Amino acid sequence: MSPVTDAEFRELTLQESRDLLASQHVGRLAFTLHDRVDIEPIHFVNDGEWLFGRTSKGTKLSTLLHHPWCALEADAVHGMFDWASVVVKGTFYLLDPEIGSPDTYRRAEQVLRSLVPGTFGAHDPAPHRNIVFGIFIHEITGRTAQPIR
């Protein structure tokens, strides 16, 4: 392989950003409260205008319940100058089958099981993550770098 002598950087189109987001299932969720910013890795599944995931009780959940605006970044990295990255800005929602939108909860459960078939079952690899959430996507952008040899 020849060395990279230059790289091209560009914005992803909306469709490229959506395609990248659909191909990834681990990202970093950024959220704030007052003057503090936190970022944590999460797994998620994209379903059109929503990202769905699971969590457990803790600081992240408490913070997002007080300040639901968040951002998520997911990347496909193949090298220093060979990567693509997408950023989603949206609103965090707790999903509950009894309140809110039971249809959205059922859809989240379904797509989460498509990602990890044991979800909420006897073979759940993360049974402590028993809280379902959705992030409604308000904005999605992306960038990429490609090597020029």
C-alpha atoms as a PDB file:
ATOM      1  CA  MET A   1       0.000   0.000   0.000  1.00  0.00           C
ATOM      2  CA  SER A   2       1.392   3.392  -0.926  1.00  0.00           C
ATOM      3  CA  PRO A   3       1.618   6.124   1.715  1.00  0.00           C
ATOM      4  CA  VAL A   4      -1.012   8.821   1.961  1.00  0.00           C
ATOM      5  CA  THR A   5       0.329  12.015   0.459  1.00  0.00           C
ATOM      6  CA  ASP A   6      -2.856  14.024   0.816  1.00  0.00           C
ATOM      7  CA  ALA A   7      -6.429  13.637   2.003  1.00  0.00           C
ATOM      8  CA  GLU A   8      -9.759  14.937   0.848  1.00  0.00           C
ATOM      9  CA  PHE A   9     -12.224  16.078   3.504  1.00  0.00           C
ATOM     10  CA  ARG A  10     -15.875  16.730   2.708  1.00  0.00           C
ATOM     11  CA  GLU A  11     -19.359  16.917   4.159  1.00  0.00           C
ATOM     12  CA  LEU A  12     -21.481  13.806   3.777  1.00  0.00           C
ATOM     13  CA  THR A  13     -24.792  14.173   1.985  1.00  0.00           C
ATOM     14  CA  LEU A  14     -27.894  13.608   4.089  1.00  0.00           C
ATOM     15  CA  GLN A  15     -28.318  10.156   2.527  1.00  0.00           C
ATOM     16  CA  GLU A  16     -24.671   9.247   3.172  1.00  0.00           C
ATOM     17  CA  SER A  17     -25.067  10.395   6.784  1.00  0.00           C
ATOM     18  CA  ARG A  18     -28.219   8.312   7.208  1.00  0.00           C
ATOM     19  CA  ASP A  19     -26.565   5.269   5.612  1.00  0.00           C
ATOM     20  CA  LEU A  20     -23.562   5.549   7.923  1.00  0.00           C
ATOM     21  CA  LEU A  21     -25.807   5.913  10.973  1.00  0.00           C
ATOM     22  CA  ALA A  22     -27.804   2.833   9.933  1.00  0.00           C
ATOM     23  CA  SER A  23     -24.603   0.782   9.622  1.00  0.00           C
ATOM     24  CA  GLN A  24     -23.324   1.597  13.124  1.00  0.00           C
ATOM     25  CA  HIS A  25     -24.557   0.379  16.501  1.00  0.00           C
ATOM     26  CA  VAL A  26     -22.089   1.909  18.950  1.00  0.00           C
ATOM     27  CA  GLY A  27     -21.718   5.633  19.438  1.00  0.00           C
ATOM     28  CA  ARG A  28     -20.925   8.291  21.991  1.00  0.00           C
ATOM     29  CA  LEU A  29     -23.841  10.108  23.586  1.00  0.00           C
ATOM     30  CA  ALA A  30     -23.101  13.671  24.699  1.00  0.00           C
ATOM     31  CA  PHE A  31     -25.370  15.473  27.152  1.00  0.00           C
ATOM     32  CA  THR A  32     -25.189  18.490  29.421  1.00  0.00           C
ATOM     33  CA  LEU A  33     -26.558  19.862  32.641  1.00  0.00           C
ATOM     34  CA  HIS A  34     -25.722  23.388  33.752  1.00  0.00           C
ATOM     35  CA  ASP A  35     -22.017  23.864  33.033  1.00  0.00           C
ATOM     36  CA  ARG A  36     -21.072  20.180  32.807  1.00  0.00           C
ATOM     37  CA  VAL A  37     -20.739  18.134  29.603  1.00  0.00           C
ATOM     38  CA  ASP A  38     -20.573  14.342  29.690  1.00  0.00           C
ATOM     39  CA  ILE A  39     -20.069  11.789  26.964  1.00  0.00           C
ATOM     40  CA  GLU A  40     -20.641   8.048  27.263  1.00  0.00           C
ATOM     41  CA  PRO A  41     -20.515   5.136  24.851  1.00  0.00           C
ATOM     42  CA  ILE A  42     -23.851   3.496  24.128  1.00  0.00           C
ATOM     43  CA  HIS A  43     -25.233   0.925  21.761  1.00  0.00           C
ATOM     44  CA  PHE A  44     -28.182   1.959  19.636  1.00  0.00           C
ATOM     45  CA  VAL A  45     -30.207   1.015  16.627  1.00  0.00           C
ATOM     46  CA  ASN A  46     -31.438   3.509  14.056  1.00  0.00           C
ATOM     47  CA  ASP A  47     -35.066   3.367  12.956  1.00  0.00           C
ATOM     48  CA  GLY A  48     -35.771   6.233  10.595  1.00  0.00           C
ATOM     49  CA  GLU A  49     -36.247   9.386  12.664  1.00  0.00           C
ATOM     50  CA  TRP A  50     -35.410   7.609  15.934  1.00  0.00           C
ATOM     51  CA  LEU A  51     -32.418   6.075  17.643  1.00  0.00           C
ATOM     52  CA  PHE A  52     -33.392   3.436  20.202  1.00  0.00           C
ATOM     53  CA  GLY A  53     -31.302   2.035  23.031  1.00  0.00           C
ATOM     54  CA  ARG A  54     -31.334   0.694  26.568  1.00  0.00           C
ATOM     55  CA  THR A  55     -29.851   1.989  29.770  1.00  0.00           C
ATOM     56  CA  SER A  56     -30.076   1.529  33.510  1.00  0.00           C
ATOM     57  CA  LYS A  57     -30.672   3.944  36.365  1.00  0.00           C
ATOM     58  CA  GLY A  58     -27.770   6.288  36.971  1.00  0.00           C
ATOM     59  CA  THR A  59     -26.257   9.705  36.358  1.00  0.00           C
ATOM     60  CA  LYS A  60     -26.723   9.659  32.581  1.00  0.00           C
ATOM     61  CA  LEU A  61     -30.430   8.940  32.883  1.00  0.00           C
ATOM     62  CA  SER A  62     -30.945  11.483  35.671  1.00  0.00           C
ATOM     63  CA  THR A  63     -29.187  14.171  33.661  1.00  0.00           C
ATOM     64  CA  LEU A  64     -31.089  13.439  30.451  1.00  0.00           C
ATOM     65  CA  LEU A  65     -34.413  13.496  32.275  1.00  0.00           C
ATOM     66  CA  HIS A  66     -33.629  17.053  33.427  1.00  0.00           C
ATOM     67  CA  HIS A  67     -32.098  18.231  30.158  1.00  0.00           C
ATOM     68  CA  PRO A  68     -33.200  15.983  27.266  1.00  0.00           C
ATOM     69  CA  TRP A  69     -31.268  17.644  24.436  1.00  0.00           C
ATOM     70  CA  CYS A  70     -28.331  15.519  23.373  1.00  0.00           C
ATOM     71  CA  ALA A  71     -25.979  14.605  20.557  1.00  0.00           C
ATOM     72  CA  LEU A  72     -24.674  11.262  19.392  1.00  0.00           C
ATOM     73  CA  GLU A  73     -21.603  10.629  17.266  1.00  0.00           C
ATOM     74  CA  ALA A  74     -20.889   7.374  15.438  1.00  0.00           C
ATOM     75  CA  ASP A  75     -17.868   6.644  13.255  1.00  0.00           C
ATOM     76  CA  ALA A  76     -16.508   4.190  10.730  1.00  0.00           C
ATOM     77  CA  VAL A  77     -12.728   4.456  11.006  1.00  0.00           C
ATOM     78  CA  HIS A  78     -10.364   2.590   8.684  1.00  0.00           C
ATOM     79  CA  GLY A  79      -7.301   4.782   9.087  1.00  0.00           C
ATOM     80  CA  MET A  80      -5.965   8.213  10.017  1.00  0.00           C
ATOM     81  CA  PHE A  81      -7.268   9.745   6.785  1.00  0.00           C
ATOM     82  CA  ASP A  82      -9.884   7.125   5.919  1.00  0.00           C
ATOM     83  CA  TRP A  83     -12.969   7.616   8.049  1.00  0.00           C
ATOM     84  CA  ALA A  84     -16.549   8.839   8.122  1.00  0.00           C
ATOM     85  CA  SER A  85     -18.392  10.328  11.072  1.00  0.00           C
ATOM     86  CA  VAL A  86     -22.004  11.253  11.688  1.00  0.00           C
ATOM     87  CA  VAL A  87     -23.442  13.520  14.386  1.00  0.00           C
ATOM     88  CA  VAL A  88     -27.087  13.422  15.416  1.00  0.00           C
ATOM     89  CA  LYS A  89     -28.688  16.142  17.501  1.00  0.00           C
ATOM     90  CA  GLY A  90     -31.974  15.258  19.104  1.00  0.00           C
ATOM     91  CA  THR A  91     -34.222  14.918  22.115  1.00  0.00           C
ATOM     92  CA  PHE A  92     -34.013  12.057  24.614  1.00  0.00           C
ATOM     93  CA  TYR A  93     -37.253  10.323  25.649  1.00  0.00           C
ATOM     94  CA  LEU A  94     -37.917   7.560  28.147  1.00  0.00           C
ATOM     95  CA  LEU A  95     -40.145   4.993  26.494  1.00  0.00           C
ATOM     96  CA  ASP A  96     -42.678   3.148  28.598  1.00  0.00           C
ATOM     97  CA  PRO A  97     -45.343   0.699  27.366  1.00  0.00           C
ATOM     98  CA  GLU A  98     -47.881   2.050  29.864  1.00  0.00           C
ATOM     99  CA  ILE A  99     -47.501   5.800  29.279  1.00  0.00           C
ATOM    100  CA  GLY A 100     -46.507   7.986  26.380  1.00  0.00           C
ATOM    101  CA  SER A 101     -46.605   6.162  23.079  1.00  0.00           C
ATOM    102  CA  PRO A 102     -46.936   2.388  23.466  1.00  0.00           C
ATOM    103  CA  ASP A 103     -46.510   2.012  19.688  1.00  0.00           C
ATOM    104  CA  THR A 104     -43.082   3.686  19.833  1.00  0.00           C
ATOM    105  CA  TYR A 105     -42.097   1.480  22.770  1.00  0.00           C
ATOM    106  CA  ARG A 106     -43.132  -1.687  20.913  1.00  0.00           C
ATOM    107  CA  ARG A 107     -41.208  -0.556  17.820  1.00  0.00           C
ATOM    108  CA  ALA A 108     -38.131   0.142  19.963  1.00  0.00           C
ATOM    109  CA  GLU A 109     -38.373  -3.299  21.565  1.00  0.00           C
ATOM    110  CA  GLN A 110     -38.678  -4.924  18.154  1.00  0.00           C
ATOM    111  CA  VAL A 111     -35.660  -3.194  16.594  1.00  0.00           C
ATOM    112  CA  LEU A 112     -33.555  -3.684  19.749  1.00  0.00           C
ATOM    113  CA  ARG A 113     -34.297  -7.424  19.534  1.00  0.00           C
ATOM    114  CA  SER A 114     -33.265  -7.400  15.879  1.00  0.00           C
ATOM    115  CA  LEU A 115     -29.874  -6.045  16.997  1.00  0.00           C
ATOM    116  CA  VAL A 116     -29.494  -8.348  20.034  1.00  0.00           C
ATOM    117  CA  PRO A 117     -31.957 -11.261  19.796  1.00  0.00           C
ATOM    118  CA  GLY A 118     -31.802 -12.054  23.546  1.00  0.00           C
ATOM    119  CA  THR A 119     -32.948  -8.579  24.558  1.00  0.00           C
ATOM    120  CA  PHE A 120     -35.370  -8.729  27.521  1.00  0.00           C
ATOM    121  CA  GLY A 121     -35.248 -12.533  27.471  1.00  0.00           C
ATOM    122  CA  ALA A 122     -33.535 -15.288  29.429  1.00  0.00           C
ATOM    123  CA  HIS A 123     -30.336 -14.833  27.390  1.00  0.00           C
ATOM    124  CA  ASP A 124     -30.146 -11.044  27.581  1.00  0.00           C
ATOM    125  CA  PRO A 125     -26.427 -10.106  27.665  1.00  0.00           C
ATOM    126  CA  ALA A 126     -27.217  -6.887  29.585  1.00  0.00           C
ATOM    127  CA  PRO A 127     -30.297  -7.544  31.755  1.00  0.00           C
ATOM    128  CA  HIS A 128     -29.458  -4.589  34.014  1.00  0.00           C
ATOM    129  CA  ARG A 129     -30.203  -2.283  31.056  1.00  0.00           C
ATOM    130  CA  ASN A 130     -33.933  -2.509  31.531  1.00  0.00           C
ATOM    131  CA  ILE A 131     -34.928   1.044  30.585  1.00  0.00           C
ATOM    132  CA  VAL A 132     -35.773   1.715  26.934  1.00  0.00           C
ATOM    133  CA  PHE A 133     -35.111   5.137  25.478  1.00  0.00           C
ATOM    134  CA  GLY A 134     -35.483   6.881  22.168  1.00  0.00           C
ATOM    135  CA  ILE A 135     -33.699   9.856  20.725  1.00  0.00           C
ATOM    136  CA  PHE A 136     -35.826  11.714  18.224  1.00  0.00           C
ATOM    137  CA  ILE A 137     -33.510  12.990  15.495  1.00  0.00           C
ATOM    138  CA  HIS A 138     -33.752  16.728  14.819  1.00  0.00           C
ATOM    139  CA  GLU A 139     -30.529  17.141  12.849  1.00  0.00           C
ATOM    140  CA  ILE A 140     -28.023  14.812  11.229  1.00  0.00           C
ATOM    141  CA  THR A 141     -24.706  15.797   9.661  1.00  0.00           C
ATOM    142  CA  GLY A 142     -21.584  13.970   8.648  1.00  0.00           C
ATOM    143  CA  ARG A 143     -18.009  14.363   7.442  1.00  0.00           C
ATOM    144  CA  THR A 144     -15.543  12.078   5.774  1.00  0.00           C
ATOM    145  CA  ALA A 145     -11.844  11.928   4.984  1.00  0.00           C
ATOM    146  CA  GLN A 146     -10.478   9.872   2.135  1.00  0.00           C
ATOM    147  CA  PRO A 147      -6.820   9.332   1.320  1.00  0.00           C
ATOM    148  CA  ILE A 148      -5.350  10.568  -1.913  1.00  0.00           C
ATOM    149  CA  ARG A 149      -2.337   8.441  -2.856  1.00  0.00           C
END
